[in-house]
Protein backbone atom coordinates (compact mmCIF):
# COMPACT_ATOMS: atom_id res chain seq x y z
CA MET A 1 87.57 100.14 42.06
CA THR A 2 91.30 100.48 42.28
CA HIS A 3 90.77 104.40 42.40
CA LYS A 4 88.08 103.97 44.83
CA LYS A 5 90.10 101.75 47.08
CA LYS A 6 93.19 104.49 46.71
CA HIS A 7 90.89 107.47 47.40
CA SER A 8 90.27 105.78 50.87
CA ARG A 9 93.59 105.35 51.45
CA ALA A 10 94.01 108.92 51.31
CA ILE A 11 95.24 110.68 54.28
CA THR A 12 92.46 113.09 56.00
CA PRO A 13 92.31 116.40 56.57
CA PHE A 14 92.63 115.90 60.02
CA GLN A 15 95.83 113.40 59.88
CA LEU A 16 97.68 115.80 57.52
CA LEU A 17 96.70 118.30 60.27
CA VAL A 18 97.82 116.54 63.40
CA SER A 19 101.09 115.44 61.11
CA TYR A 20 101.90 119.30 60.39
CA TYR A 21 101.90 119.52 64.46
CA PHE A 22 104.11 116.64 64.65
CA ILE A 23 106.59 118.55 62.30
CA ALA A 24 106.31 121.91 64.31
CA ILE A 25 107.50 119.83 67.31
CA ALA A 26 110.44 118.45 65.36
CA SER A 27 111.08 121.59 64.05
CA SER A 28 110.94 123.73 67.61
CA PHE A 29 112.88 120.70 69.06
CA LEU A 30 115.73 121.08 66.88
CA LEU A 31 115.87 124.99 67.92
CA LEU A 32 116.10 124.25 71.10
CA ARG A 33 119.00 121.96 70.55
CA ILE A 34 121.32 124.86 69.33
CA PRO A 35 123.63 125.73 71.99
CA ALA A 36 123.05 129.35 71.68
CA VAL A 37 119.99 128.85 73.33
CA TYR A 38 121.39 127.79 76.85
CA GLU A 39 123.62 129.43 79.37
CA GLU A 40 127.27 128.25 79.10
CA GLY A 41 127.75 125.16 81.36
CA LYS A 42 123.83 124.82 80.88
CA GLU A 43 123.24 120.90 79.53
CA VAL A 44 119.75 120.20 78.68
CA SER A 45 119.18 116.41 77.73
CA LEU A 46 117.26 115.60 74.34
CA VAL A 47 113.91 113.95 75.99
CA ASP A 48 113.95 117.76 78.28
CA SER A 49 114.19 119.69 74.79
CA LEU A 50 111.61 117.60 73.27
CA PHE A 51 109.39 118.22 76.46
CA THR A 52 109.92 121.95 76.45
CA ALA A 53 109.19 121.89 72.05
CA VAL A 54 105.87 119.83 73.10
CA SER A 55 104.95 122.37 75.91
CA ALA A 56 105.61 125.26 73.87
CA VAL A 57 103.85 124.49 70.23
CA SER A 58 101.09 123.03 72.61
CA VAL A 59 101.05 126.52 74.71
CA THR A 60 101.07 124.75 77.91
CA GLY A 61 104.15 126.07 80.17
CA LEU A 62 104.80 123.00 81.90
CA SER A 63 108.85 123.29 82.31
CA VAL A 64 111.40 120.72 83.32
CA PHE A 65 113.98 123.59 83.90
CA ASP A 66 114.33 126.96 85.13
CA ILE A 67 113.66 128.78 81.75
CA SER A 68 114.86 132.37 83.59
CA SER A 69 118.71 130.30 84.59
CA THR A 70 118.64 128.12 81.58
CA LEU A 71 117.87 130.03 78.76
CA THR A 72 119.63 133.05 77.16
CA PRO A 73 117.96 136.18 75.41
CA PHE A 74 118.11 134.57 72.25
CA GLY A 75 116.49 130.96 73.86
CA MET A 76 114.12 133.17 75.00
CA VAL A 77 113.20 135.46 71.58
CA VAL A 78 113.28 131.36 70.17
CA LEU A 79 110.45 129.91 73.05
CA LEU A 80 108.10 133.51 72.25
CA VAL A 81 108.29 132.34 68.46
CA ILE A 82 107.17 128.69 69.63
CA LEU A 83 104.46 129.84 71.42
CA GLN A 84 103.52 132.00 68.49
CA LEU A 85 103.40 128.92 66.28
CA GLY A 86 101.36 127.00 68.92
CA ALA A 87 98.92 129.93 69.60
CA ILE A 88 98.00 130.57 65.82
CA GLY A 89 98.17 127.02 64.68
CA ILE A 90 100.93 125.38 62.47
CA MET A 91 98.70 125.35 59.66
CA SER A 92 97.00 128.73 60.07
CA LEU A 93 100.55 130.10 60.40
CA GLY A 94 101.40 128.89 56.90
CA THR A 95 98.57 130.33 55.67
CA PHE A 96 98.93 133.30 56.23
CA LEU A 97 102.55 133.29 55.21
CA TRP A 98 101.02 132.13 52.07
CA LEU A 99 98.78 134.90 51.80
CA ILE A 100 101.61 137.87 52.56
CA THR A 101 103.58 136.36 49.44
CA GLY A 102 100.36 136.50 47.38
CA LYS A 103 99.89 132.82 47.35
CA ARG A 104 96.18 131.14 45.95
CA ILE A 105 94.89 129.28 49.11
CA GLY A 106 93.48 125.96 48.09
CA MET A 107 90.35 124.19 49.04
CA ARG A 108 92.78 121.71 51.01
CA GLU A 109 94.61 124.67 52.94
CA ARG A 110 90.69 125.85 53.38
CA GLN A 111 89.84 122.29 55.36
CA LEU A 112 92.92 122.39 57.40
CA ILE A 113 92.14 125.92 58.70
CA MET A 114 88.68 124.85 59.54
CA ILE A 115 89.87 121.78 61.64
CA ASP A 116 92.30 124.02 63.28
CA PHE A 117 89.76 126.66 64.56
CA ASN A 118 87.05 123.89 64.88
CA GLN A 119 84.73 126.01 62.44
CA SER A 120 81.81 124.00 61.02
CA GLN A 121 81.93 125.00 57.10
CA VAL A 122 85.32 126.04 54.84
CA SER A 123 83.44 129.12 53.88
CA GLY A 124 85.05 132.47 55.50
CA VAL A 125 87.75 130.64 56.97
CA VAL A 126 90.31 132.56 55.08
CA GLN A 127 88.89 136.03 56.27
CA LEU A 128 88.55 134.68 59.73
CA LEU A 129 92.47 133.79 59.67
CA LYS A 130 93.38 137.17 59.10
CA GLU A 131 91.02 138.84 61.91
CA ILE A 132 92.61 136.07 64.44
CA VAL A 133 96.03 136.57 63.41
CA LYS A 134 95.64 140.67 63.48
CA LEU A 135 93.77 140.57 67.04
CA LEU A 136 96.38 138.26 68.53
CA PHE A 137 99.65 140.88 67.60
CA ILE A 138 97.69 143.85 68.78
CA ILE A 139 96.59 142.14 72.13
CA GLU A 140 100.02 141.38 72.54
CA ALA A 141 101.80 144.61 70.78
CA VAL A 142 99.04 146.36 73.65
CA GLY A 143 99.73 144.47 76.41
CA ALA A 144 103.78 144.48 75.84
CA LEU A 145 103.28 148.27 75.94
CA ILE A 146 101.56 148.19 79.17
CA LEU A 147 103.33 145.88 81.17
CA SER A 148 106.95 147.57 79.94
CA LEU A 149 105.66 150.69 81.06
CA HIS A 150 104.66 149.56 84.69
CA PHE A 151 107.48 147.10 84.86
CA HIS A 152 110.23 149.89 84.36
CA GLN A 153 109.61 150.53 88.21
CA TYR A 154 110.89 147.24 89.17
CA PHE A 155 113.99 147.05 86.91
CA ASP A 156 117.07 149.13 86.76
CA THR A 157 116.90 149.71 82.99
CA TRP A 158 114.50 149.80 80.36
CA GLY A 159 115.86 146.64 78.18
CA GLU A 160 115.11 144.64 81.47
CA ALA A 161 111.37 146.06 81.52
CA ILE A 162 110.55 145.72 77.96
CA LYS A 163 111.85 141.99 78.12
CA HIS A 164 109.79 141.10 81.15
CA GLY A 165 106.83 143.16 79.77
CA VAL A 166 107.14 141.22 76.27
CA PHE A 167 107.66 137.89 77.81
CA ALA A 168 104.86 138.67 80.18
CA SER A 169 102.19 139.52 77.44
CA ILE A 170 102.76 136.99 75.16
CA SER A 171 102.97 134.13 78.02
CA ALA A 172 99.71 135.55 78.69
CA THR A 173 98.08 135.90 75.86
CA THR A 174 98.64 132.74 74.35
CA ASN A 175 98.08 131.32 77.92
CA GLY A 176 101.43 129.54 77.45
CA GLY A 177 102.40 130.25 81.01
CA PHE A 178 105.96 130.44 81.00
CA ASP A 179 108.08 132.86 82.93
CA ILE A 180 111.11 134.53 83.27
CA THR A 181 110.92 135.48 86.91
CA GLY A 182 112.01 131.81 88.25
CA GLU A 183 108.55 132.18 90.02
CA SER A 184 105.54 132.82 87.79
CA LEU A 185 104.02 135.97 88.85
CA GLN A 186 104.47 135.10 92.35
CA PRO A 187 106.59 138.08 92.88
CA PHE A 188 103.64 140.37 91.75
CA HIS A 189 101.65 139.04 94.32
CA THR A 190 100.60 142.41 95.75
CA ASP A 191 100.86 144.10 92.47
CA TYR A 192 97.06 144.24 91.81
CA PHE A 193 97.60 146.58 88.36
CA VAL A 194 99.70 143.97 86.74
CA GLN A 195 97.50 140.65 87.83
CA PHE A 196 94.58 142.91 86.46
CA ILE A 197 96.36 143.36 82.78
CA THR A 198 97.11 139.87 82.86
CA MET A 199 93.90 138.01 83.82
CA ILE A 200 92.52 140.15 80.95
CA LEU A 201 95.57 138.78 78.29
CA ILE A 202 94.43 135.15 79.49
CA VAL A 203 91.00 135.91 78.94
CA LEU A 204 91.43 137.41 75.43
CA GLY A 205 93.31 134.24 74.65
CA ALA A 206 91.21 131.60 75.77
CA ILE A 207 87.58 133.02 75.08
CA GLY A 208 87.75 131.89 71.72
CA PHE A 209 88.66 134.46 68.66
CA PRO A 210 85.40 133.89 67.26
CA VAL A 211 83.95 136.08 70.48
CA LEU A 212 86.74 138.34 69.72
CA ILE A 213 85.50 138.73 66.45
CA GLU A 214 81.91 139.37 67.19
CA VAL A 215 82.65 141.48 69.70
CA LYS A 216 84.83 143.55 67.93
CA ASN A 217 82.20 143.63 64.55
CA PHE A 218 79.34 144.28 67.58
CA LEU A 219 81.33 147.53 68.59
CA PHE A 220 82.30 149.07 65.20
CA ARG A 221 78.85 148.18 63.27
CA LYS A 222 75.17 148.86 63.24
CA LYS A 223 74.21 147.29 66.84
CA ASP A 224 70.53 147.06 65.27
CA THR A 225 71.27 144.70 62.99
CA PHE A 226 73.94 142.58 64.64
CA ARG A 227 73.23 139.26 66.21
CA PHE A 228 75.54 137.53 68.45
CA SER A 229 75.84 133.99 66.99
CA LEU A 230 74.31 130.77 69.48
CA PHE A 231 78.35 129.72 70.09
CA THR A 232 79.04 133.17 71.30
CA LYS A 233 76.20 133.36 73.96
CA ILE A 234 76.86 129.51 75.44
CA THR A 235 80.97 130.44 75.21
CA ALA A 236 80.70 133.11 77.17
CA LEU A 237 78.24 132.47 79.72
CA THR A 238 79.88 129.26 80.38
CA TYR A 239 83.31 131.11 80.90
CA PHE A 240 82.25 133.73 83.09
CA VAL A 241 80.05 131.63 85.13
CA LEU A 242 83.08 128.99 85.51
CA PHE A 243 84.66 132.12 86.59
CA ILE A 244 82.77 133.36 89.11
CA VAL A 245 82.01 129.74 90.43
CA GLY A 246 85.84 129.37 90.49
CA THR A 247 86.53 132.74 92.65
CA LEU A 248 83.71 131.76 95.06
CA VAL A 249 84.98 128.34 95.94
CA ILE A 250 88.80 129.18 96.49
CA ILE A 251 87.47 132.06 98.65
CA LEU A 252 85.51 129.39 100.54
CA VAL A 253 87.94 126.64 100.92
CA GLU A 254 91.03 129.20 101.60
CA SER A 255 89.69 131.65 103.41
CA PHE A 256 90.75 129.87 106.80
CA LEU A 257 93.76 127.85 105.80
CA SER A 258 96.37 129.16 103.21
CA PHE A 259 94.28 132.58 102.67
CA LYS A 260 94.30 133.19 106.64
CA GLY A 261 95.95 136.49 107.40
CA MET A 262 95.44 138.01 103.53
CA THR A 263 93.32 141.31 103.26
CA TRP A 264 89.94 140.82 101.66
CA TYR A 265 91.11 142.28 98.43
CA GLU A 266 94.41 140.11 98.73
CA LYS A 267 91.75 137.02 98.83
CA LEU A 268 89.73 138.06 96.16
CA PHE A 269 92.24 139.33 94.10
CA THR A 270 94.38 136.03 94.64
CA ALA A 271 90.98 133.05 93.78
CA MET A 272 90.25 135.58 90.95
CA PHE A 273 93.56 135.09 89.22
CA HIS A 274 93.96 131.21 89.77
CA SER A 275 89.88 130.83 88.51
CA ILE A 276 90.87 132.29 85.45
CA SER A 277 94.58 131.28 85.23
CA SER A 278 93.46 127.75 85.94
CA ARG A 279 91.22 127.26 82.78
CA SER A 280 94.46 127.32 80.54
CA GLY A 281 96.71 130.56 81.74
CA GLY A 282 99.24 128.66 84.01
CA LEU A 283 100.62 131.89 85.61
CA THR A 284 100.31 131.72 89.41
CA THR A 285 101.01 134.82 92.00
CA TYR A 286 100.58 132.22 94.94
CA ASP A 287 102.35 129.28 95.32
CA VAL A 288 99.50 126.42 94.44
CA SER A 289 101.31 123.70 96.43
CA GLN A 290 100.05 126.12 99.85
CA PHE A 291 96.14 125.25 98.96
CA SER A 292 94.48 122.67 100.24
CA GLU A 293 94.11 119.53 98.86
CA ALA A 294 90.62 119.80 98.26
CA THR A 295 91.23 123.27 96.32
CA ASP A 296 93.86 121.54 94.18
CA ILE A 297 91.06 118.51 93.05
CA PHE A 298 89.21 121.54 92.33
CA LEU A 299 91.59 123.81 89.77
CA SER A 300 92.30 119.94 88.66
CA PHE A 301 88.45 120.24 87.52
CA LEU A 302 88.85 123.62 85.82
CA MET A 303 92.07 122.37 83.83
CA PHE A 304 90.14 119.45 82.92
CA ILE A 305 87.36 121.81 81.52
CA GLY A 306 89.48 124.03 80.09
CA SER A 307 89.64 126.97 77.71
CA SER A 308 86.69 127.84 74.81
CA PRO A 309 87.01 125.70 71.36
CA SER A 310 88.69 128.14 68.56
CA SER A 311 91.27 129.80 71.65
CA VAL A 312 94.56 129.07 72.58
CA GLY A 313 93.94 126.51 75.15
CA GLY A 314 93.10 122.51 75.91
CA GLY A 315 90.90 120.66 77.70
CA ILE A 316 87.12 119.20 76.67
CA ARG A 317 86.50 123.02 76.21
CA THR A 318 83.67 125.06 77.68
CA THR A 319 81.03 124.59 75.17
CA THR A 320 81.41 120.65 75.65
CA PHE A 321 80.73 121.28 79.47
CA ALA A 322 78.29 123.25 78.73
CA ILE A 323 76.10 121.57 76.46
CA ALA A 324 76.55 118.08 78.87
CA ILE A 325 75.21 119.94 81.76
CA LEU A 326 72.34 121.47 79.69
CA PHE A 327 71.44 117.90 78.52
CA LEU A 328 71.73 116.36 81.73
CA ILE A 329 69.25 119.20 83.03
CA ASN A 330 66.63 118.73 80.27
CA PHE A 331 66.72 115.24 80.40
CA ALA A 332 65.85 115.23 83.97
CA ASN A 333 62.97 116.99 83.13
CA GLY A 334 61.96 114.94 80.06
CA ARG A 335 63.01 116.53 77.38
CA THR A 336 65.80 115.28 74.90
CA GLU A 337 66.37 118.44 72.83
CA ILE A 338 68.43 121.52 74.25
CA GLN A 339 66.69 124.99 73.68
CA ILE A 340 68.56 127.79 74.54
CA PHE A 341 69.07 131.54 73.65
CA GLY A 342 65.99 130.81 71.25
CA ARG A 343 67.91 128.29 69.34
CA GLU A 344 67.94 124.08 69.53
CA ILE A 345 71.25 122.18 69.76
CA HIS A 346 71.93 120.41 66.96
CA LEU A 347 71.65 116.22 68.13
CA SER A 348 75.21 115.60 66.74
CA ASP A 349 76.81 118.30 68.93
CA ILE A 350 75.61 116.79 71.84
CA PHE A 351 76.77 113.29 70.91
CA ARG A 352 80.33 115.13 69.84
CA SER A 353 80.28 116.62 73.66
CA TYR A 354 79.62 113.01 75.11
CA VAL A 355 82.52 111.65 73.28
CA VAL A 356 84.90 114.29 74.37
CA ILE A 357 84.01 114.00 77.86
CA ILE A 358 84.25 110.30 78.03
CA LEU A 359 87.48 109.96 76.09
CA ALA A 360 88.81 112.59 78.44
CA PHE A 361 88.23 110.73 81.33
CA PHE A 362 89.36 107.68 80.25
CA MET A 363 92.66 109.06 79.17
CA VAL A 364 92.95 111.13 82.45
CA MET A 365 92.53 107.85 84.04
CA ILE A 366 94.58 106.01 82.36
CA SER A 367 97.61 108.65 82.35
CA THR A 368 96.96 108.65 86.02
CA MET A 369 97.39 105.32 86.73
CA VAL A 370 100.14 105.18 85.14
CA LEU A 371 102.10 107.80 86.24
CA LEU A 372 101.10 106.10 90.22
CA ILE A 373 103.76 103.75 89.06
CA THR A 374 106.48 105.70 87.14
CA GLU A 375 106.52 108.45 89.94
CA PRO A 376 106.16 106.52 93.24
CA TYR A 377 107.48 109.47 95.35
CA ALA A 378 104.44 112.01 94.08
CA THR A 379 100.84 111.46 95.67
CA THR A 380 97.66 111.27 94.02
CA THR A 381 96.80 114.95 94.27
CA GLN A 382 99.73 115.59 92.98
CA ILE A 383 100.15 113.44 90.05
CA ILE A 384 95.73 113.99 88.57
CA PHE A 385 97.13 117.62 88.92
CA GLU A 386 99.97 117.59 86.51
CA ILE A 387 97.84 115.26 84.03
CA THR A 388 95.07 117.44 84.05
CA SER A 389 97.41 120.27 83.87
CA ALA A 390 98.86 118.92 80.95
CA PHE A 391 95.43 117.69 79.20
CA GLY A 392 94.10 121.34 79.64
CA THR A 393 97.31 122.75 78.13
CA CYS A 394 97.49 125.24 81.29
CA GLY A 395 101.20 124.32 82.92
CA MET A 396 100.67 124.82 86.63
CA SER A 397 102.20 122.15 88.94
CA LEU A 398 102.77 121.10 92.07
CA GLY A 399 106.36 121.02 91.66
CA ILE A 400 106.90 117.38 90.39
CA THR A 401 107.32 118.25 86.77
CA ASP A 402 111.21 118.47 86.38
CA SER A 403 111.18 115.04 88.76
CA LEU A 404 109.24 113.25 86.48
CA SER A 405 110.97 110.10 85.11
CA THR A 406 111.38 109.69 81.02
CA GLU A 407 108.21 107.28 80.87
CA GLY A 408 106.31 109.90 83.01
CA LYS A 409 107.79 113.17 80.67
CA PHE A 410 106.33 110.92 77.65
CA VAL A 411 102.84 110.05 79.18
CA VAL A 412 102.59 113.97 80.12
CA MET A 413 103.97 115.21 76.66
CA ILE A 414 101.59 113.32 74.95
CA LEU A 415 98.29 114.78 76.66
CA MET A 416 99.71 117.86 75.90
CA PHE A 417 99.46 116.99 72.30
CA ILE A 418 96.24 115.87 72.71
CA GLY A 419 95.19 118.41 74.62
CA ARG A 420 96.27 121.21 71.41
CA VAL A 421 95.20 119.62 68.71
CA GLY A 422 91.98 118.43 70.06
CA LEU A 423 90.37 115.43 71.22
CA ILE A 424 88.04 115.55 67.76
CA SER A 425 90.75 115.70 65.68
CA PHE A 426 92.47 113.63 67.51
CA LEU A 427 90.11 110.92 67.56
CA TYR A 428 89.37 111.48 63.69
CA THR A 429 92.82 111.10 62.81
CA LEU A 430 92.78 107.36 64.47
CA GLY A 431 89.58 106.59 62.70
CA GLY A 432 90.63 107.15 59.26
CA LYS A 433 87.91 108.69 56.67
CA ALA A 434 84.51 108.38 57.41
CA GLU A 435 82.45 106.07 55.08
CA LYS A 436 78.58 105.38 55.36
CA PRO A 437 77.83 101.80 55.89
CA PRO A 438 75.50 99.99 53.11
CA TYR A 439 72.82 98.93 54.85
CA ARG A 440 71.43 99.40 58.19
CA TYR A 441 70.22 97.25 60.92
CA PRO A 442 66.54 97.22 62.61
CA LYS A 443 66.66 99.17 65.70
CA GLU A 444 66.00 97.57 68.94
CA ARG A 445 65.49 99.23 72.81
CA VAL A 446 68.06 98.36 75.74
CA ILE A 447 67.28 98.96 79.34
CA ILE A 448 69.31 101.83 80.46
CA GLY A 449 70.26 103.11 84.50
């Protein structure tokens, strides 16, 4: 009995993973307190350092100070290292270092990698981790090379071009959203090559690492024996449908408003970029505060959905949204199961989807109410935009981040943290160890609707 009680009180893998993220934030905070990180004469408070640490570990990109004028070159390197840590995942990066040093990966570590990447089984997670790290570094390196070569026309020296190219590539691929221009990518509003490369990098980081691995396997293996998983099919379809819908909505709403006077291709690229970037990228080529309130609310909706599972982004995730919509369509047609692509969605996944959506909705609603009290100068649209940006680990803002009160900053930090670790992991952390009830009660119907 004593052994059983001790076992029930043991920390769960979910709680351990969340504690590792707390350690990552604490370590990042200490790094950001090193004086050499900041330019001479720049003073950053403890709260602002903590806010930046949380924003970087969660690869969000919300910032309470101007990165370009506040951080030294060393500070920018520190920020990039923290972004990599947040993108790969603290447990996954630690495991990768163990692999390099030849240490054996135990079952506990495999469980943590499984949770960190939203996998349903332990087998194959170490191989998945190797593939993810390799893919991420290759994507960032190629992106940095292309952008550095292109940026040389904008900067006097190759050193400056490489600095901006490397930072822009890592920030886009990790969906970090930080920039060292002081204006995000707005200086490149008419440079469609930079926008195109950045969009590709954001998509590669946000669409989900399992999807990228399957596409790679499809391209380099025998295509007649390869089959894409249901996860990849749903994820890719949902991601690109949301991208197309987002682009069309922004164009339709803004064509006679903020886009008035733009050429058709300028409108198209601006709408495409922000449709993709609002899914967790956070970079902007246009001042989003110039958008109408209707577009800002729609972008908040896209940020609420966020990116795909097992990616660098946050939000409720694309598969959650897809399963909820599919269930609504099937339920309206008198069916309680979801059948798609010749497969049937497991009932537990439907339950999890609605749990995530309901919990996320309440979190956003409560956070909005709190910020309406603590930030009386801000409009409701600005606050909803800020809240969904934090939860979706996006990083876009309507300009109120640096004006947030201490209480408001802590609310945003909590949302960024939950958005990164995932709502399911966060919920299981609070709930502790699952135990099957010793008995069950008779079932009874309840009137609904």
